[in-house]
């Protein structure tokens, strides 16, 4: 690895593109993904890398620590920092209506939720449209940070009519477990997937630098009667998740 050519600014630094540690993090992450820093290659020592990149050792330390947390780099005591083999992504099928908790159960992972906010509120325009609510109706909201095996994976904001979820405080880990117990679990859903760049508090909660691409999914779920009873907007880490769909060729009648 030609460290001087690879790490020296302005090859990676751009004024106005965020803190230097985030830019260095993105530069390293992109280089690893592209194979410019191959698996098992060793990074220069922290002091040397700071001198080459013309940044402080704190900047290098923060960028490397984030990549270690992401599972991209590993630090071996007494040996240095090395590029790890890429971890397999979780493939979430779009053909089955599964909650986050149910999906992780199927894969033998322990899911957990950190409740960010829950309560009864006036609906916003998106909730009114998705759930067919009027401006004076009320909506139950549950906002959660979702993790599996202690790895942060997603942010989810769920909204339901209050006759479907009268007590948002009943939701701890699995919303669908609560709905199933009440006999109001949805049986189908429509999902819209887009790529967005995460920013601000959302980036910090997901342990990602600002500007990193994530998957946003808007899901509206329905009862067998066709009534919409759940609107969930989620941000999912694209370095962990792949969403796949099973497509079948329709035969002509």
C-alpha atoms as a PDB file:
ATOM      1  CA  UNK A   1       0.000   0.000   0.000  1.00  0.00           C
ATOM      2  CA  UNK A   2       1.394   3.413  -1.048  1.00  0.00           C
ATOM      3  CA  UNK A   3       0.397   5.256   2.101  1.00  0.00           C
ATOM      4  CA  UNK A   4       1.728   8.639   0.957  1.00  0.00           C
ATOM      5  CA  UNK A   5      -0.292   8.618  -2.249  1.00  0.00           C
ATOM      6  CA  UNK A   6      -3.369   7.103  -0.692  1.00  0.00           C
ATOM      7  CA  UNK A   7      -3.808   9.122   2.486  1.00  0.00           C
ATOM      8  CA  UNK A   8      -2.292  12.505   1.732  1.00  0.00           C
ATOM      9  CA  UNK A   9      -4.831  15.371   1.417  1.00  0.00           C
ATOM     10  CA  UNK A  10      -6.451  16.671  -0.707  1.00  0.00           C
ATOM     11  CA  UNK A  11      -6.995  13.168  -2.129  1.00  0.00           C
ATOM     12  CA  UNK A  12      -9.746  12.634   0.437  1.00  0.00           C
ATOM     13  CA  UNK A  13     -10.311  15.975   2.184  1.00  0.00           C
ATOM     14  CA  UNK A  14     -12.840  18.477   0.842  1.00  0.00           C
ATOM     15  CA  UNK A  15     -13.593  21.726   2.641  1.00  0.00           C
ATOM     16  CA  UNK A  16     -17.207  22.014   3.733  1.00  0.00           C
ATOM     17  CA  UNK A  17     -17.834  18.261   3.572  1.00  0.00           C
ATOM     18  CA  UNK A  18     -18.054  17.740   7.322  1.00  0.00           C
ATOM     19  CA  UNK A  19     -15.545  17.053  10.100  1.00  0.00           C
ATOM     20  CA  UNK A  20     -12.216  15.628   9.014  1.00  0.00           C
ATOM     21  CA  UNK A  21     -12.654  12.412  10.970  1.00  0.00           C
ATOM     22  CA  UNK A  22     -15.928  11.739   9.099  1.00  0.00           C
ATOM     23  CA  UNK A  23     -14.251  12.439   5.750  1.00  0.00           C
ATOM     24  CA  UNK A  24     -11.318  10.177   6.638  1.00  0.00           C
ATOM     25  CA  UNK A  25     -13.785   7.517   7.781  1.00  0.00           C
ATOM     26  CA  UNK A  26     -15.679   7.685   4.471  1.00  0.00           C
ATOM     27  CA  UNK A  27     -12.450   7.644   2.482  1.00  0.00           C
ATOM     28  CA  UNK A  28     -11.218   4.520   4.253  1.00  0.00           C
ATOM     29  CA  UNK A  29     -14.614   2.802   4.085  1.00  0.00           C
ATOM     30  CA  UNK A  30     -14.890   3.455   0.341  1.00  0.00           C
ATOM     31  CA  UNK A  31     -11.315   2.273  -0.252  1.00  0.00           C
ATOM     32  CA  UNK A  32     -11.976  -0.952   1.626  1.00  0.00           C
ATOM     33  CA  UNK A  33     -15.259  -1.542  -0.226  1.00  0.00           C
ATOM     34  CA  UNK A  34     -13.530  -0.946  -3.574  1.00  0.00           C
ATOM     35  CA  UNK A  35     -10.630  -3.270  -2.721  1.00  0.00           C
ATOM     36  CA  UNK A  36      -8.028  -0.494  -2.747  1.00  0.00           C
ATOM     37  CA  UNK A  37      -7.266  -1.590   0.817  1.00  0.00           C
ATOM     38  CA  UNK A  38      -7.513  -5.382   0.461  1.00  0.00           C
ATOM     39  CA  UNK A  39      -8.472  -7.831   3.181  1.00  0.00           C
ATOM     40  CA  UNK A  40      -5.659  -8.454   5.688  1.00  0.00           C
ATOM     41  CA  UNK A  41      -3.764  -5.300   4.674  1.00  0.00           C
ATOM     42  CA  UNK A  42      -2.357  -3.287   7.553  1.00  0.00           C
ATOM     43  CA  UNK A  43      -2.916   0.416   8.123  1.00  0.00           C
ATOM     44  CA  UNK A  44       0.042   2.601   9.033  1.00  0.00           C
ATOM     45  CA  UNK A  45       0.444   3.226  12.773  1.00  0.00           C
ATOM     46  CA  UNK A  46      -1.772   5.971  14.188  1.00  0.00           C
ATOM     47  CA  UNK A  47       1.060   8.489  14.544  1.00  0.00           C
ATOM     48  CA  UNK A  48       2.347   7.872  11.031  1.00  0.00           C
ATOM     49  CA  UNK A  49      -1.139   7.990   9.518  1.00  0.00           C
ATOM     50  CA  UNK A  50      -1.829  11.306  11.273  1.00  0.00           C
ATOM     51  CA  UNK A  51       1.373  12.793   9.833  1.00  0.00           C
ATOM     52  CA  UNK A  52       0.667  11.521   6.315  1.00  0.00           C
ATOM     53  CA  UNK A  53      -2.942  12.726   6.336  1.00  0.00           C
ATOM     54  CA  UNK A  54      -2.012  16.019   8.039  1.00  0.00           C
ATOM     55  CA  UNK A  55      -4.592  15.564  10.796  1.00  0.00           C
ATOM     56  CA  UNK A  56      -4.460  15.066  14.535  1.00  0.00           C
ATOM     57  CA  UNK A  57      -4.103  11.637  16.102  1.00  0.00           C
ATOM     58  CA  UNK A  58      -7.550  12.172  17.642  1.00  0.00           C
ATOM     59  CA  UNK A  59      -9.007  12.494  14.126  1.00  0.00           C
ATOM     60  CA  UNK A  60      -7.350   9.248  13.046  1.00  0.00           C
ATOM     61  CA  UNK A  61      -8.408   7.508  16.249  1.00  0.00           C
ATOM     62  CA  UNK A  62     -12.090   8.485  15.810  1.00  0.00           C
ATOM     63  CA  UNK A  63     -12.203   7.396  12.159  1.00  0.00           C
ATOM     64  CA  UNK A  64     -10.506   4.077  12.872  1.00  0.00           C
ATOM     65  CA  UNK A  65     -12.666   3.431  15.949  1.00  0.00           C
ATOM     66  CA  UNK A  66     -15.825   3.845  13.852  1.00  0.00           C
ATOM     67  CA  UNK A  67     -14.521   1.369  11.263  1.00  0.00           C
ATOM     68  CA  UNK A  68     -13.669  -1.085  14.028  1.00  0.00           C
ATOM     69  CA  UNK A  69     -17.194  -0.717  15.413  1.00  0.00           C
ATOM     70  CA  UNK A  70     -18.575  -1.264  11.913  1.00  0.00           C
ATOM     71  CA  UNK A  71     -16.630  -4.528  11.726  1.00  0.00           C
ATOM     72  CA  UNK A  72     -14.514  -3.338   8.800  1.00  0.00           C
ATOM     73  CA  UNK A  73     -11.209  -3.066  10.654  1.00  0.00           C
ATOM     74  CA  UNK A  74      -9.798  -5.057  13.550  1.00  0.00           C
ATOM     75  CA  UNK A  75      -7.136  -3.994  16.025  1.00  0.00           C
ATOM     76  CA  UNK A  76      -4.753  -6.742  17.133  1.00  0.00           C
ATOM     77  CA  UNK A  77      -2.943  -6.078  20.361  1.00  0.00           C
ATOM     78  CA  UNK A  78       0.748  -5.516  19.702  1.00  0.00           C
ATOM     79  CA  UNK A  79       0.344  -6.001  15.940  1.00  0.00           C
ATOM     80  CA  UNK A  80      -1.664  -3.086  14.525  1.00  0.00           C
ATOM     81  CA  UNK A  81      -4.880  -2.411  12.630  1.00  0.00           C
ATOM     82  CA  UNK A  82      -5.942  -4.659   9.751  1.00  0.00           C
ATOM     83  CA  UNK A  83      -8.727  -4.833   7.169  1.00  0.00           C
ATOM     84  CA  UNK A  84     -11.195  -7.577   8.066  1.00  0.00           C
ATOM     85  CA  UNK A  85     -13.011  -9.930   5.741  1.00  0.00           C
ATOM     86  CA  UNK A  86     -16.387  -8.404   4.847  1.00  0.00           C
ATOM     87  CA  UNK A  87     -19.251  -9.664   6.986  1.00  0.00           C
ATOM     88  CA  UNK A  88     -22.216 -11.268   5.334  1.00  0.00           C
ATOM     89  CA  UNK A  89     -25.227  -8.984   5.095  1.00  0.00           C
ATOM     90  CA  UNK A  90     -28.615  -9.944   6.446  1.00  0.00           C
ATOM     91  CA  UNK A  91     -31.021 -10.616   3.588  1.00  0.00           C
ATOM     92  CA  UNK A  92     -34.539  -9.539   4.498  1.00  0.00           C
ATOM     93  CA  UNK A  93     -37.189 -10.879   2.120  1.00  0.00           C
ATOM     94  CA  UNK A  94     -39.761  -8.410   0.859  1.00  0.00           C
ATOM     95  CA  UNK A  95     -42.128 -11.288   0.092  1.00  0.00           C
ATOM     96  CA  UNK A  96     -43.105 -11.962   3.712  1.00  0.00           C
ATOM     97  CA  UNK A  97     -44.615  -9.618   6.293  1.00  0.00           C
ATOM     98  CA  UNK A  98     -42.266 -10.031   9.252  1.00  0.00           C
ATOM     99  CA  UNK A  99     -41.508  -7.663  12.073  1.00  0.00           C
ATOM    100  CA  UNK A 100     -37.913  -6.841  12.961  1.00  0.00           C
ATOM    101  CA  UNK A 101     -38.179  -9.032  16.066  1.00  0.00           C
ATOM    102  CA  UNK A 102     -39.609 -11.986  14.131  1.00  0.00           C
ATOM    103  CA  UNK A 103     -36.942 -11.692  11.457  1.00  0.00           C
ATOM    104  CA  UNK A 104     -34.153 -11.727  14.039  1.00  0.00           C
ATOM    105  CA  UNK A 105     -35.745 -14.674  15.865  1.00  0.00           C
ATOM    106  CA  UNK A 106     -35.644 -16.673  12.644  1.00  0.00           C
ATOM    107  CA  UNK A 107     -31.909 -16.017  12.400  1.00  0.00           C
ATOM    108  CA  UNK A 108     -31.193 -16.880  16.001  1.00  0.00           C
ATOM    109  CA  UNK A 109     -30.356 -13.318  16.977  1.00  0.00           C
ATOM    110  CA  UNK A 110     -31.410 -11.568  20.167  1.00  0.00           C
ATOM    111  CA  UNK A 111     -33.294  -8.395  19.231  1.00  0.00           C
ATOM    112  CA  UNK A 112     -33.704  -5.405  21.495  1.00  0.00           C
ATOM    113  CA  UNK A 113     -35.328  -1.994  21.301  1.00  0.00           C
ATOM    114  CA  UNK A 114     -34.550   1.345  22.846  1.00  0.00           C
ATOM    115  CA  UNK A 115     -37.731   3.371  23.124  1.00  0.00           C
ATOM    116  CA  UNK A 116     -37.064   6.915  21.953  1.00  0.00           C
ATOM    117  CA  UNK A 117     -40.629   8.217  22.249  1.00  0.00           C
ATOM    118  CA  UNK A 118     -44.159   6.863  22.575  1.00  0.00           C
ATOM    119  CA  UNK A 119     -47.558   8.348  23.263  1.00  0.00           C
ATOM    120  CA  UNK A 120     -50.795   9.643  21.759  1.00  0.00           C
ATOM    121  CA  UNK A 121     -50.557  12.552  19.314  1.00  0.00           C
ATOM    122  CA  UNK A 122     -52.408  14.460  16.628  1.00  0.00           C
ATOM    123  CA  UNK A 123     -51.614  12.841  13.247  1.00  0.00           C
ATOM    124  CA  UNK A 124     -49.281  14.492  10.799  1.00  0.00           C
ATOM    125  CA  UNK A 125     -50.160  14.619   7.059  1.00  0.00           C
ATOM    126  CA  UNK A 126     -48.273  11.388   6.236  1.00  0.00           C
ATOM    127  CA  UNK A 127     -50.132   9.531   8.992  1.00  0.00           C
ATOM    128  CA  UNK A 128     -53.481  10.950   7.913  1.00  0.00           C
ATOM    129  CA  UNK A 129     -52.978   9.779   4.339  1.00  0.00           C
ATOM    130  CA  UNK A 130     -51.540   6.346   5.185  1.00  0.00           C
ATOM    131  CA  UNK A 131     -54.037   5.500   7.920  1.00  0.00           C
ATOM    132  CA  UNK A 132     -57.102   7.331   6.610  1.00  0.00           C
ATOM    133  CA  UNK A 133     -57.338   9.587   9.665  1.00  0.00           C
ATOM    134  CA  UNK A 134     -58.903  12.999  10.064  1.00  0.00           C
ATOM    135  CA  UNK A 135     -57.119  16.001  11.468  1.00  0.00           C
ATOM    136  CA  UNK A 136     -58.901  15.694  14.819  1.00  0.00           C
ATOM    137  CA  UNK A 137     -58.245  11.966  15.241  1.00  0.00           C
ATOM    138  CA  UNK A 138     -55.450  10.710  17.442  1.00  0.00           C
ATOM    139  CA  UNK A 139     -52.574   8.404  16.562  1.00  0.00           C
ATOM    140  CA  UNK A 140     -50.424   6.169  18.770  1.00  0.00           C
ATOM    141  CA  UNK A 141     -46.704   6.517  18.035  1.00  0.00           C
ATOM    142  CA  UNK A 142     -43.790   4.332  19.049  1.00  0.00           C
ATOM    143  CA  UNK A 143     -40.283   5.443  17.991  1.00  0.00           C
ATOM    144  CA  UNK A 144     -37.551   2.849  18.508  1.00  0.00           C
ATOM    145  CA  UNK A 145     -33.858   2.205  17.936  1.00  0.00           C
ATOM    146  CA  UNK A 146     -33.591  -1.447  16.897  1.00  0.00           C
ATOM    147  CA  UNK A 147     -30.586  -3.669  17.629  1.00  0.00           C
ATOM    148  CA  UNK A 148     -29.649  -7.331  17.306  1.00  0.00           C
ATOM    149  CA  UNK A 149     -26.849  -9.030  19.223  1.00  0.00           C
ATOM    150  CA  UNK A 150     -25.937  -5.562  20.558  1.00  0.00           C
ATOM    151  CA  UNK A 151     -25.426  -4.125  17.054  1.00  0.00           C
ATOM    152  CA  UNK A 152     -27.514  -1.076  16.149  1.00  0.00           C
ATOM    153  CA  UNK A 153     -29.344  -1.813  12.919  1.00  0.00           C
ATOM    154  CA  UNK A 154     -32.332   0.453  12.374  1.00  0.00           C
ATOM    155  CA  UNK A 155     -34.505   3.343  13.444  1.00  0.00           C
ATOM    156  CA  UNK A 156     -38.259   2.828  13.222  1.00  0.00           C
ATOM    157  CA  UNK A 157     -41.123   5.286  13.718  1.00  0.00           C
ATOM    158  CA  UNK A 158     -44.458   3.432  13.957  1.00  0.00           C
ATOM    159  CA  UNK A 159     -47.927   5.019  13.982  1.00  0.00           C
ATOM    160  CA  UNK A 160     -51.279   3.294  14.543  1.00  0.00           C
ATOM    161  CA  UNK A 161     -54.891   4.374  15.164  1.00  0.00           C
ATOM    162  CA  UNK A 162     -55.655   4.524  18.870  1.00  0.00           C
ATOM    163  CA  UNK A 163     -58.401   1.860  18.656  1.00  0.00           C
ATOM    164  CA  UNK A 164     -55.731  -0.532  17.333  1.00  0.00           C
ATOM    165  CA  UNK A 165     -53.043   0.485  19.828  1.00  0.00           C
ATOM    166  CA  UNK A 166     -54.765   2.264  22.738  1.00  0.00           C
ATOM    167  CA  UNK A 167     -51.706   1.950  24.999  1.00  0.00           C
ATOM    168  CA  UNK A 168     -48.353   2.624  23.277  1.00  0.00           C
ATOM    169  CA  UNK A 169     -46.606   1.876  26.580  1.00  0.00           C
ATOM    170  CA  UNK A 170     -47.486  -1.805  26.016  1.00  0.00           C
ATOM    171  CA  UNK A 171     -44.875  -1.982  23.242  1.00  0.00           C
ATOM    172  CA  UNK A 172     -41.425  -2.907  24.489  1.00  0.00           C
ATOM    173  CA  UNK A 173     -39.638  -4.986  21.845  1.00  0.00           C
ATOM    174  CA  UNK A 174     -42.183  -6.332  19.352  1.00  0.00           C
ATOM    175  CA  UNK A 175     -45.134  -4.241  18.161  1.00  0.00           C
ATOM    176  CA  UNK A 176     -46.533  -7.215  16.237  1.00  0.00           C
ATOM    177  CA  UNK A 177     -46.523  -9.396  19.354  1.00  0.00           C
ATOM    178  CA  UNK A 178     -48.775  -6.808  21.019  1.00  0.00           C
ATOM    179  CA  UNK A 179     -51.071  -6.609  17.983  1.00  0.00           C
ATOM    180  CA  UNK A 180     -51.221 -10.380  17.640  1.00  0.00           C
ATOM    181  CA  UNK A 181     -52.243 -10.750  21.293  1.00  0.00           C
ATOM    182  CA  UNK A 182     -55.072  -8.266  20.666  1.00  0.00           C
ATOM    183  CA  UNK A 183     -56.161  -9.986  17.434  1.00  0.00           C
ATOM    184  CA  UNK A 184     -55.313  -6.928  15.327  1.00  0.00           C
ATOM    185  CA  UNK A 185     -52.095  -7.984  13.572  1.00  0.00           C
ATOM    186  CA  UNK A 186     -51.888  -6.973   9.895  1.00  0.00           C
ATOM    187  CA  UNK A 187     -51.888  -9.600   7.174  1.00  0.00           C
ATOM    188  CA  UNK A 188     -50.381  -7.657   4.276  1.00  0.00           C
ATOM    189  CA  UNK A 189     -48.368  -4.511   3.692  1.00  0.00           C
ATOM    190  CA  UNK A 190     -47.158  -2.195   0.951  1.00  0.00           C
ATOM    191  CA  UNK A 191     -43.554  -0.996   1.239  1.00  0.00           C
ATOM    192  CA  UNK A 192     -41.711   1.781  -0.573  1.00  0.00           C
ATOM    193  CA  UNK A 193     -37.890   1.674  -0.486  1.00  0.00           C
ATOM    194  CA  UNK A 194     -35.607   4.617  -1.178  1.00  0.00           C
ATOM    195  CA  UNK A 195     -31.953   5.432  -0.557  1.00  0.00           C
ATOM    196  CA  UNK A 196     -31.286   8.495   1.595  1.00  0.00           C
ATOM    197  CA  UNK A 197     -28.277  10.095   3.268  1.00  0.00           C
ATOM    198  CA  UNK A 198     -28.518   9.974   7.042  1.00  0.00           C
ATOM    199  CA  UNK A 199     -27.871  13.181   8.980  1.00  0.00           C
ATOM    200  CA  UNK A 200     -27.998  14.736  12.428  1.00  0.00           C
ATOM    201  CA  UNK A 201     -29.389  12.811  15.372  1.00  0.00           C
ATOM    202  CA  UNK A 202     -30.388   9.877  13.149  1.00  0.00           C
ATOM    203  CA  UNK A 203     -26.762   9.372  12.084  1.00  0.00           C
ATOM    204  CA  UNK A 204     -25.585   9.497  15.681  1.00  0.00           C
ATOM    205  CA  UNK A 205     -28.199   6.978  16.827  1.00  0.00           C
ATOM    206  CA  UNK A 206     -27.211   4.583  14.029  1.00  0.00           C
ATOM    207  CA  UNK A 207     -23.494   4.994  14.804  1.00  0.00           C
ATOM    208  CA  UNK A 208     -22.868   6.347  11.318  1.00  0.00           C
ATOM    209  CA  UNK A 209     -21.139   9.502  10.094  1.00  0.00           C
ATOM    210  CA  UNK A 210     -23.365  12.101   8.469  1.00  0.00           C
ATOM    211  CA  UNK A 211     -23.956  11.663   4.760  1.00  0.00           C
ATOM    212  CA  UNK A 212     -23.708   7.861   4.683  1.00  0.00           C
ATOM    213  CA  UNK A 213     -26.382   6.189   2.533  1.00  0.00           C
ATOM    214  CA  UNK A 214     -29.044   4.146   4.318  1.00  0.00           C
ATOM    215  CA  UNK A 215     -32.260   2.464   3.205  1.00  0.00           C
ATOM    216  CA  UNK A 216     -35.539   4.166   4.059  1.00  0.00           C
ATOM    217  CA  UNK A 217     -38.639   2.001   4.039  1.00  0.00           C
ATOM    218  CA  UNK A 218     -42.178   3.345   4.369  1.00  0.00           C
ATOM    219  CA  UNK A 219     -44.587   0.511   5.188  1.00  0.00           C
ATOM    220  CA  UNK A 220     -48.366   0.655   5.369  1.00  0.00           C
ATOM    221  CA  UNK A 221     -49.903  -2.530   6.788  1.00  0.00           C
ATOM    222  CA  UNK A 222     -53.507  -3.689   6.481  1.00  0.00           C
ATOM    223  CA  UNK A 223     -56.045  -5.918   8.204  1.00  0.00           C
ATOM    224  CA  UNK A 224     -57.777  -8.641   6.146  1.00  0.00           C
ATOM    225  CA  UNK A 225     -60.681  -6.192   5.711  1.00  0.00           C
ATOM    226  CA  UNK A 226     -58.357  -3.833   3.851  1.00  0.00           C
ATOM    227  CA  UNK A 227     -58.231  -1.248   6.608  1.00  0.00           C
ATOM    228  CA  UNK A 228     -54.766   0.360   7.032  1.00  0.00           C
ATOM    229  CA  UNK A 229     -53.702   0.085  10.668  1.00  0.00           C
ATOM    230  CA  UNK A 230     -49.930   0.643  10.729  1.00  0.00           C
ATOM    231  CA  UNK A 231     -47.618   3.181   9.139  1.00  0.00           C
ATOM    232  CA  UNK A 232     -43.930   2.629   9.872  1.00  0.00           C
ATOM    233  CA  UNK A 233     -41.016   4.626   8.500  1.00  0.00           C
ATOM    234  CA  UNK A 234     -37.636   3.028   9.059  1.00  0.00           C
ATOM    235  CA  UNK A 235     -33.994   3.812   8.387  1.00  0.00           C
ATOM    236  CA  UNK A 236     -31.885   0.663   7.959  1.00  0.00           C
ATOM    237  CA  UNK A 237     -28.114   0.455   7.802  1.00  0.00           C
ATOM    238  CA  UNK A 238     -27.182  -0.519   4.250  1.00  0.00           C
ATOM    239  CA  UNK A 239     -23.862  -1.989   5.406  1.00  0.00           C
ATOM    240  CA  UNK A 240     -25.829  -4.614   7.339  1.00  0.00           C
ATOM    241  CA  UNK A 241     -29.095  -5.047   5.441  1.00  0.00           C
ATOM    242  CA  UNK A 242     -29.985  -6.271   1.980  1.00  0.00           C
ATOM    243  CA  UNK A 243     -33.665  -6.400   1.048  1.00  0.00           C
ATOM    244  CA  UNK A 244     -34.461  -9.051  -1.545  1.00  0.00           C
ATOM    245  CA  UNK A 245     -37.616  -9.890  -3.492  1.00  0.00           C
ATOM    246  CA  UNK A 246     -38.618 -13.198  -5.061  1.00  0.00           C
ATOM    247  CA  UNK A 247     -39.993 -12.386  -8.513  1.00  0.00           C
ATOM    248  CA  UNK A 248     -41.938 -14.926 -10.555  1.00  0.00           C
ATOM    249  CA  UNK A 249     -42.859 -14.767 -14.214  1.00  0.00           C
ATOM    250  CA  UNK A 250     -46.605 -14.602 -14.679  1.00  0.00           C
ATOM    251  CA  UNK A 251     -47.930 -17.110 -17.159  1.00  0.00           C
ATOM    252  CA  UNK A 252     -50.335 -15.792 -19.794  1.00  0.00           C
ATOM    253  CA  UNK A 253     -53.965 -16.779 -19.269  1.00  0.00           C
END
